[in-house]
Amino acid sequence: MINVFIDGAEGTTGLRLESRLLGMDGVNLLRIEENLRKDTDRRGYYINKADVVFLCLPDAAAREAAGLAGDTVVIDASTAHRTAPGWAYGFPELSRAHYDAVRGGNRISVPGCYPTGFCGLIYPLVERGLIAPDADLSCFGLSGYSGGGKPLIERFEGGGADTWGARPYALGLRHKHLPEMRKVCGLEKLPVFMPVVAPIRQGMIVT
């Protein structure tokens, strides 16, 4: 039996992860007391009681939680550790080295949504010399709104102006996934990235 704790189980990602883990044999899901879920000491207790902890938190809280963990395997769904030294990038299909790092590591960062599509396309081409690391690349990504968490879900499902039309955002090479896309693929410069959120709840396409 594997003891699993989700730090941030009340958010969109945490709730979906919990629903999947509840259906798995051999998993014992640890639950923090509702009135103590933001108590640092109590969170630290559950983090270290678990064999595996999933961090479904904003970046700052994820860094704090990771600092509380000892030998527990930490799997971080936030952006906080995707380019951090000592953290395995959780995309084992990219290469044998990625696979070995995930399998043998106890600090694993979950890839971002757009980078999963981008790196899955670009990493093998760079690795095999078919695209130069200094190439001028552009990327278009269209996403459903649930990836933006509760605030964006409420905007799109609240019946206001945000219920229609697809719209670009985070222009000017400011999207938080760009450093991850560049580092993982070994690029020397950022791709020109056009992210668009669409009035669909889930789904993504990256070209």
C-alpha atoms as a PDB file:
ATOM      1  CA  MET A   1       0.000   0.000   0.000  1.00  0.00           C
ATOM      2  CA  ILE A   2       1.357   3.397  -1.033  1.00  0.00           C
ATOM      3  CA  ASN A   3       0.478   6.418   1.105  1.00  0.00           C
ATOM      4  CA  VAL A   4      -0.294   9.441  -1.082  1.00  0.00           C
ATOM      5  CA  PHE A   5      -0.961  13.009   0.009  1.00  0.00           C
ATOM      6  CA  ILE A   6      -2.225  15.795  -2.255  1.00  0.00           C
ATOM      7  CA  ASP A   7      -1.192  19.229  -1.016  1.00  0.00           C
ATOM      8  CA  GLY A   8      -3.749  21.512  -2.614  1.00  0.00           C
ATOM      9  CA  ALA A   9      -6.493  18.922  -3.033  1.00  0.00           C
ATOM     10  CA  GLU A  10      -9.213  21.594  -3.082  1.00  0.00           C
ATOM     11  CA  GLY A  11      -8.156  23.114  -6.389  1.00  0.00           C
ATOM     12  CA  THR A  12      -9.077  22.055  -9.915  1.00  0.00           C
ATOM     13  CA  THR A  13      -5.957  19.923 -10.467  1.00  0.00           C
ATOM     14  CA  GLY A  14      -6.076  18.418  -6.982  1.00  0.00           C
ATOM     15  CA  LEU A  15      -9.736  17.419  -7.259  1.00  0.00           C
ATOM     16  CA  ARG A  16      -9.210  15.667 -10.592  1.00  0.00           C
ATOM     17  CA  LEU A  17      -6.108  13.898  -9.317  1.00  0.00           C
ATOM     18  CA  GLU A  18      -7.948  12.765  -6.199  1.00  0.00           C
ATOM     19  CA  SER A  19     -10.810  11.322  -8.278  1.00  0.00           C
ATOM     20  CA  ARG A  20      -8.308   9.223 -10.237  1.00  0.00           C
ATOM     21  CA  LEU A  21      -6.365   8.017  -7.210  1.00  0.00           C
ATOM     22  CA  LEU A  22      -9.546   6.957  -5.415  1.00  0.00           C
ATOM     23  CA  GLY A  23     -10.119   4.347  -8.108  1.00  0.00           C
ATOM     24  CA  MET A  24      -6.637   2.827  -7.876  1.00  0.00           C
ATOM     25  CA  ASP A  25      -5.844  -0.339  -5.950  1.00  0.00           C
ATOM     26  CA  GLY A  26      -2.931  -0.158  -3.555  1.00  0.00           C
ATOM     27  CA  VAL A  27      -3.251   3.583  -2.896  1.00  0.00           C
ATOM     28  CA  ASN A  28      -4.076   4.973   0.533  1.00  0.00           C
ATOM     29  CA  LEU A  29      -5.054   8.616   0.176  1.00  0.00           C
ATOM     30  CA  LEU A  30      -4.099  10.723   3.195  1.00  0.00           C
ATOM     31  CA  ARG A  31      -6.379  13.680   3.928  1.00  0.00           C
ATOM     32  CA  ILE A  32      -5.476  16.692   6.014  1.00  0.00           C
ATOM     33  CA  GLU A  33      -8.059  18.129   8.377  1.00  0.00           C
ATOM     34  CA  GLU A  34     -10.098  20.795   6.586  1.00  0.00           C
ATOM     35  CA  ASN A  35      -9.381  23.504   9.160  1.00  0.00           C
ATOM     36  CA  LEU A  36      -5.615  22.798   9.016  1.00  0.00           C
ATOM     37  CA  ARG A  37      -5.019  22.522   5.269  1.00  0.00           C
ATOM     38  CA  LYS A  38      -3.119  25.844   5.268  1.00  0.00           C
ATOM     39  CA  ASP A  39      -1.239  25.119   8.487  1.00  0.00           C
ATOM     40  CA  THR A  40       2.442  24.711   7.574  1.00  0.00           C
ATOM     41  CA  ASP A  41       3.339  22.324  10.399  1.00  0.00           C
ATOM     42  CA  ARG A  42       0.369  20.057   9.728  1.00  0.00           C
ATOM     43  CA  ARG A  43       1.055  20.035   5.994  1.00  0.00           C
ATOM     44  CA  GLY A  44       4.649  19.105   6.733  1.00  0.00           C
ATOM     45  CA  TYR A  45       3.454  16.197   8.866  1.00  0.00           C
ATOM     46  CA  TYR A  46       1.359  14.738   6.043  1.00  0.00           C
ATOM     47  CA  ILE A  47       4.009  15.451   3.409  1.00  0.00           C
ATOM     48  CA  ASN A  48       6.518  13.369   5.342  1.00  0.00           C
ATOM     49  CA  LYS A  49       4.022  10.682   6.336  1.00  0.00           C
ATOM     50  CA  ALA A  50       3.325  10.025   2.663  1.00  0.00           C
ATOM     51  CA  ASP A  51       5.390   7.906   0.297  1.00  0.00           C
ATOM     52  CA  VAL A  52       4.396  10.231  -2.544  1.00  0.00           C
ATOM     53  CA  VAL A  53       3.096  13.786  -2.339  1.00  0.00           C
ATOM     54  CA  PHE A  54       1.528  15.706  -5.211  1.00  0.00           C
ATOM     55  CA  LEU A  55       1.807  19.484  -5.074  1.00  0.00           C
ATOM     56  CA  CYS A  56      -1.227  21.134  -6.693  1.00  0.00           C
ATOM     57  CA  LEU A  57      -0.404  24.626  -5.531  1.00  0.00           C
ATOM     58  CA  PRO A  58       0.605  28.090  -6.737  1.00  0.00           C
ATOM     59  CA  ASP A  59       4.337  28.408  -7.317  1.00  0.00           C
ATOM     60  CA  ALA A  60       5.282  30.065  -4.017  1.00  0.00           C
ATOM     61  CA  ALA A  61       3.316  27.537  -1.969  1.00  0.00           C
ATOM     62  CA  ALA A  62       4.823  24.673  -3.988  1.00  0.00           C
ATOM     63  CA  ARG A  63       8.343  25.877  -3.184  1.00  0.00           C
ATOM     64  CA  GLU A  64       7.433  26.065   0.488  1.00  0.00           C
ATOM     65  CA  ALA A  65       5.940  22.561   0.448  1.00  0.00           C
ATOM     66  CA  ALA A  66       8.962  21.097  -1.330  1.00  0.00           C
ATOM     67  CA  GLY A  67      11.148  22.589   1.380  1.00  0.00           C
ATOM     68  CA  LEU A  68       9.167  20.677   4.004  1.00  0.00           C
ATOM     69  CA  ALA A  69       9.746  17.281   2.385  1.00  0.00           C
ATOM     70  CA  GLY A  70      12.445  14.841   3.435  1.00  0.00           C
ATOM     71  CA  ASP A  71      12.748  11.553   1.536  1.00  0.00           C
ATOM     72  CA  THR A  72       9.160  11.654   0.300  1.00  0.00           C
ATOM     73  CA  VAL A  73       8.795  11.502  -3.483  1.00  0.00           C
ATOM     74  CA  VAL A  74       7.517  14.939  -4.494  1.00  0.00           C
ATOM     75  CA  ILE A  75       5.624  15.398  -7.758  1.00  0.00           C
ATOM     76  CA  ASP A  76       5.008  19.083  -8.404  1.00  0.00           C
ATOM     77  CA  ALA A  77       2.250  20.124 -10.810  1.00  0.00           C
ATOM     78  CA  SER A  78       3.095  23.830 -10.572  1.00  0.00           C
ATOM     79  CA  THR A  79       5.542  25.867 -12.656  1.00  0.00           C
ATOM     80  CA  ALA A  80       7.886  26.286  -9.690  1.00  0.00           C
ATOM     81  CA  HIS A  81      10.433  23.536 -10.360  1.00  0.00           C
ATOM     82  CA  ARG A  82      10.245  22.785 -14.085  1.00  0.00           C
ATOM     83  CA  THR A  83      13.633  24.358 -14.757  1.00  0.00           C
ATOM     84  CA  ALA A  84      15.077  23.938 -11.248  1.00  0.00           C
ATOM     85  CA  PRO A  85      18.347  22.038 -10.682  1.00  0.00           C
ATOM     86  CA  GLY A  86      17.883  18.666  -9.019  1.00  0.00           C
ATOM     87  CA  TRP A  87      14.359  18.151 -10.324  1.00  0.00           C
ATOM     88  CA  ALA A  88      13.561  15.509 -12.931  1.00  0.00           C
ATOM     89  CA  TYR A  89      11.443  16.755 -15.806  1.00  0.00           C
ATOM     90  CA  GLY A  90       8.428  14.435 -15.787  1.00  0.00           C
ATOM     91  CA  PHE A  91       8.266  13.628 -19.488  1.00  0.00           C
ATOM     92  CA  PRO A  92       9.912  10.162 -19.605  1.00  0.00           C
ATOM     93  CA  GLU A  93       8.931   9.624 -23.255  1.00  0.00           C
ATOM     94  CA  LEU A  94      11.384  12.312 -24.399  1.00  0.00           C
ATOM     95  CA  SER A  95      14.505  10.186 -23.947  1.00  0.00           C
ATOM     96  CA  ARG A  96      16.078   7.380 -21.947  1.00  0.00           C
ATOM     97  CA  ALA A  97      17.774   9.999 -19.784  1.00  0.00           C
ATOM     98  CA  HIS A  98      14.415  11.561 -18.931  1.00  0.00           C
ATOM     99  CA  TYR A  99      12.966   8.123 -18.206  1.00  0.00           C
ATOM    100  CA  ASP A 100      15.829   7.214 -15.871  1.00  0.00           C
ATOM    101  CA  ALA A 101      15.650  10.561 -14.071  1.00  0.00           C
ATOM    102  CA  VAL A 102      11.927  10.149 -13.401  1.00  0.00           C
ATOM    103  CA  ARG A 103      12.226   6.519 -12.382  1.00  0.00           C
ATOM    104  CA  GLY A 104      15.099   7.131  -9.988  1.00  0.00           C
ATOM    105  CA  GLY A 105      14.239  10.596  -8.719  1.00  0.00           C
ATOM    106  CA  ASN A 106      12.360  11.802  -5.670  1.00  0.00           C
ATOM    107  CA  ARG A 107      11.794  15.335  -7.000  1.00  0.00           C
ATOM    108  CA  ILE A 108       9.743  15.329 -10.199  1.00  0.00           C
ATOM    109  CA  SER A 109       8.197  18.323 -11.940  1.00  0.00           C
ATOM    110  CA  VAL A 110       5.099  17.794 -14.075  1.00  0.00           C
ATOM    111  CA  PRO A 111       5.458  19.351 -17.551  1.00  0.00           C
ATOM    112  CA  GLY A 112       3.255  22.288 -18.452  1.00  0.00           C
ATOM    113  CA  CYS A 113       0.354  21.853 -20.844  1.00  0.00           C
ATOM    114  CA  TYR A 114       1.713  23.876 -23.780  1.00  0.00           C
ATOM    115  CA  PRO A 115       5.282  22.591 -23.247  1.00  0.00           C
ATOM    116  CA  THR A 116       4.061  19.000 -23.438  1.00  0.00           C
ATOM    117  CA  GLY A 117       2.955  19.625 -27.018  1.00  0.00           C
ATOM    118  CA  PHE A 118       5.893  21.857 -27.911  1.00  0.00           C
ATOM    119  CA  CYS A 119       8.643  19.691 -26.389  1.00  0.00           C
ATOM    120  CA  GLY A 120       7.107  16.498 -27.751  1.00  0.00           C
ATOM    121  CA  LEU A 121       7.482  17.993 -31.235  1.00  0.00           C
ATOM    122  CA  ILE A 122      10.712  19.961 -30.967  1.00  0.00           C
ATOM    123  CA  TYR A 123      12.961  18.057 -28.528  1.00  0.00           C
ATOM    124  CA  PRO A 124      13.530  14.996 -30.763  1.00  0.00           C
ATOM    125  CA  LEU A 125      14.210  17.214 -33.785  1.00  0.00           C
ATOM    126  CA  VAL A 126      16.834  19.245 -31.926  1.00  0.00           C
ATOM    127  CA  GLU A 127      18.287  16.099 -30.347  1.00  0.00           C
ATOM    128  CA  ARG A 128      18.766  14.532 -33.797  1.00  0.00           C
ATOM    129  CA  GLY A 129      20.190  17.685 -35.379  1.00  0.00           C
ATOM    130  CA  LEU A 130      17.206  18.301 -37.650  1.00  0.00           C
ATOM    131  CA  ILE A 131      16.536  21.682 -36.022  1.00  0.00           C
ATOM    132  CA  ALA A 132      19.434  23.868 -34.891  1.00  0.00           C
ATOM    133  CA  PRO A 133      19.384  25.118 -31.270  1.00  0.00           C
ATOM    134  CA  ASP A 134      19.514  28.698 -32.577  1.00  0.00           C
ATOM    135  CA  ALA A 135      16.610  28.242 -35.025  1.00  0.00           C
ATOM    136  CA  ASP A 136      13.867  30.867 -35.259  1.00  0.00           C
ATOM    137  CA  LEU A 137      10.769  28.977 -34.151  1.00  0.00           C
ATOM    138  CA  SER A 138       7.144  29.989 -33.780  1.00  0.00           C
ATOM    139  CA  CYS A 139       4.447  28.167 -31.868  1.00  0.00           C
ATOM    140  CA  PHE A 140       0.658  28.488 -31.818  1.00  0.00           C
ATOM    141  CA  GLY A 141      -1.284  26.944 -28.950  1.00  0.00           C
ATOM    142  CA  LEU A 142      -5.030  26.896 -28.342  1.00  0.00           C
ATOM    143  CA  SER A 143      -6.359  25.772 -24.975  1.00  0.00           C
ATOM    144  CA  GLY A 144      -9.633  25.239 -23.191  1.00  0.00           C
ATOM    145  CA  TYR A 145     -10.302  27.559 -20.280  1.00  0.00           C
ATOM    146  CA  SER A 146     -10.205  25.025 -17.428  1.00  0.00           C
ATOM    147  CA  GLY A 147      -6.392  25.150 -17.512  1.00  0.00           C
ATOM    148  CA  GLY A 148      -6.638  28.631 -16.003  1.00  0.00           C
ATOM    149  CA  GLY A 149      -8.139  27.262 -12.787  1.00  0.00           C
ATOM    150  CA  LYS A 150     -11.133  28.491 -10.845  1.00  0.00           C
ATOM    151  CA  PRO A 151     -10.927  32.206 -11.775  1.00  0.00           C
ATOM    152  CA  LEU A 152     -10.947  31.535 -15.521  1.00  0.00           C
ATOM    153  CA  ILE A 153     -13.600  28.827 -15.212  1.00  0.00           C
ATOM    154  CA  GLU A 154     -15.847  31.281 -13.388  1.00  0.00           C
ATOM    155  CA  ARG A 155     -15.285  33.936 -16.064  1.00  0.00           C
ATOM    156  CA  PHE A 156     -16.194  31.600 -18.917  1.00  0.00           C
ATOM    157  CA  GLU A 157     -19.092  29.873 -17.174  1.00  0.00           C
ATOM    158  CA  GLY A 158     -20.517  32.946 -15.470  1.00  0.00           C
ATOM    159  CA  GLY A 159     -22.616  34.060 -18.449  1.00  0.00           C
ATOM    160  CA  GLY A 160     -20.712  37.276 -19.194  1.00  0.00           C
ATOM    161  CA  ALA A 161     -18.737  38.495 -22.179  1.00  0.00           C
ATOM    162  CA  ASP A 162     -16.073  35.829 -21.717  1.00  0.00           C
ATOM    163  CA  THR A 163     -18.466  33.105 -22.878  1.00  0.00           C
ATOM    164  CA  TRP A 164     -17.777  33.859 -26.558  1.00  0.00           C
ATOM    165  CA  GLY A 165     -14.771  33.990 -28.814  1.00  0.00           C
ATOM    166  CA  ALA A 166     -11.184  32.776 -28.666  1.00  0.00           C
ATOM    167  CA  ARG A 167      -8.615  35.315 -27.545  1.00  0.00           C
ATOM    168  CA  PRO A 168      -4.797  35.512 -27.433  1.00  0.00           C
ATOM    169  CA  TYR A 169      -3.072  36.390 -24.171  1.00  0.00           C
ATOM    170  CA  ALA A 170       0.386  36.700 -22.549  1.00  0.00           C
ATOM    171  CA  LEU A 171       1.854  38.276 -25.668  1.00  0.00           C
ATOM    172  CA  GLY A 172       5.293  39.903 -25.832  1.00  0.00           C
ATOM    173  CA  LEU A 173       7.050  36.606 -24.944  1.00  0.00           C
ATOM    174  CA  ARG A 174       5.792  36.812 -21.357  1.00  0.00           C
ATOM    175  CA  HIS A 175       4.074  33.437 -21.027  1.00  0.00           C
ATOM    176  CA  LYS A 176       5.295  31.545 -17.949  1.00  0.00           C
ATOM    177  CA  HIS A 177       5.874  28.333 -19.935  1.00  0.00           C
ATOM    178  CA  LEU A 178       8.465  29.858 -22.280  1.00  0.00           C
ATOM    179  CA  PRO A 179      11.566  29.282 -20.087  1.00  0.00           C
ATOM    180  CA  GLU A 180      10.560  25.624 -19.764  1.00  0.00           C
ATOM    181  CA  MET A 181      10.068  25.236 -23.513  1.00  0.00           C
ATOM    182  CA  ARG A 182      13.484  26.726 -24.244  1.00  0.00           C
ATOM    183  CA  LYS A 183      15.459  24.839 -21.579  1.00  0.00           C
ATOM    184  CA  VAL A 184      13.971  21.390 -22.125  1.00  0.00           C
ATOM    185  CA  CYS A 185      14.491  21.569 -25.893  1.00  0.00           C
ATOM    186  CA  GLY A 186      17.990  23.034 -25.608  1.00  0.00           C
ATOM    187  CA  LEU A 187      17.092  26.170 -27.550  1.00  0.00           C
ATOM    188  CA  GLU A 188      19.232  29.270 -27.518  1.00  0.00           C
ATOM    189  CA  LYS A 189      16.300  31.669 -27.827  1.00  0.00           C
ATOM    190  CA  LEU A 190      12.611  31.731 -27.070  1.00  0.00           C
ATOM    191  CA  PRO A 191      10.121  30.652 -29.706  1.00  0.00           C
ATOM    192  CA  VAL A 192       7.617  33.283 -30.792  1.00  0.00           C
ATOM    193  CA  PHE A 193       4.601  31.969 -28.908  1.00  0.00           C
ATOM    194  CA  MET A 194       0.920  32.750 -29.547  1.00  0.00           C
ATOM    195  CA  PRO A 195      -1.234  31.214 -26.790  1.00  0.00           C
ATOM    196  CA  VAL A 196      -5.007  31.432 -27.240  1.00  0.00           C
ATOM    197  CA  VAL A 197      -7.767  30.527 -24.796  1.00  0.00           C
ATOM    198  CA  ALA A 198     -10.995  29.320 -26.387  1.00  0.00           C
ATOM    199  CA  PRO A 199     -14.587  28.988 -25.100  1.00  0.00           C
ATOM    200  CA  ILE A 200     -14.242  25.222 -24.606  1.00  0.00           C
ATOM    201  CA  ARG A 201     -13.723  23.717 -21.168  1.00  0.00           C
ATOM    202  CA  GLN A 202     -10.927  21.268 -21.976  1.00  0.00           C
ATOM    203  CA  GLY A 203      -8.623  20.394 -24.835  1.00  0.00           C
ATOM    204  CA  MET A 204      -5.483  21.740 -26.465  1.00  0.00           C
ATOM    205  CA  ILE A 205      -3.753  21.903 -29.811  1.00  0.00           C
ATOM    206  CA  VAL A 206      -0.143  22.981 -30.312  1.00  0.00           C
ATOM    207  CA  THR A 207       1.478  23.590 -33.693  1.00  0.00           C
END
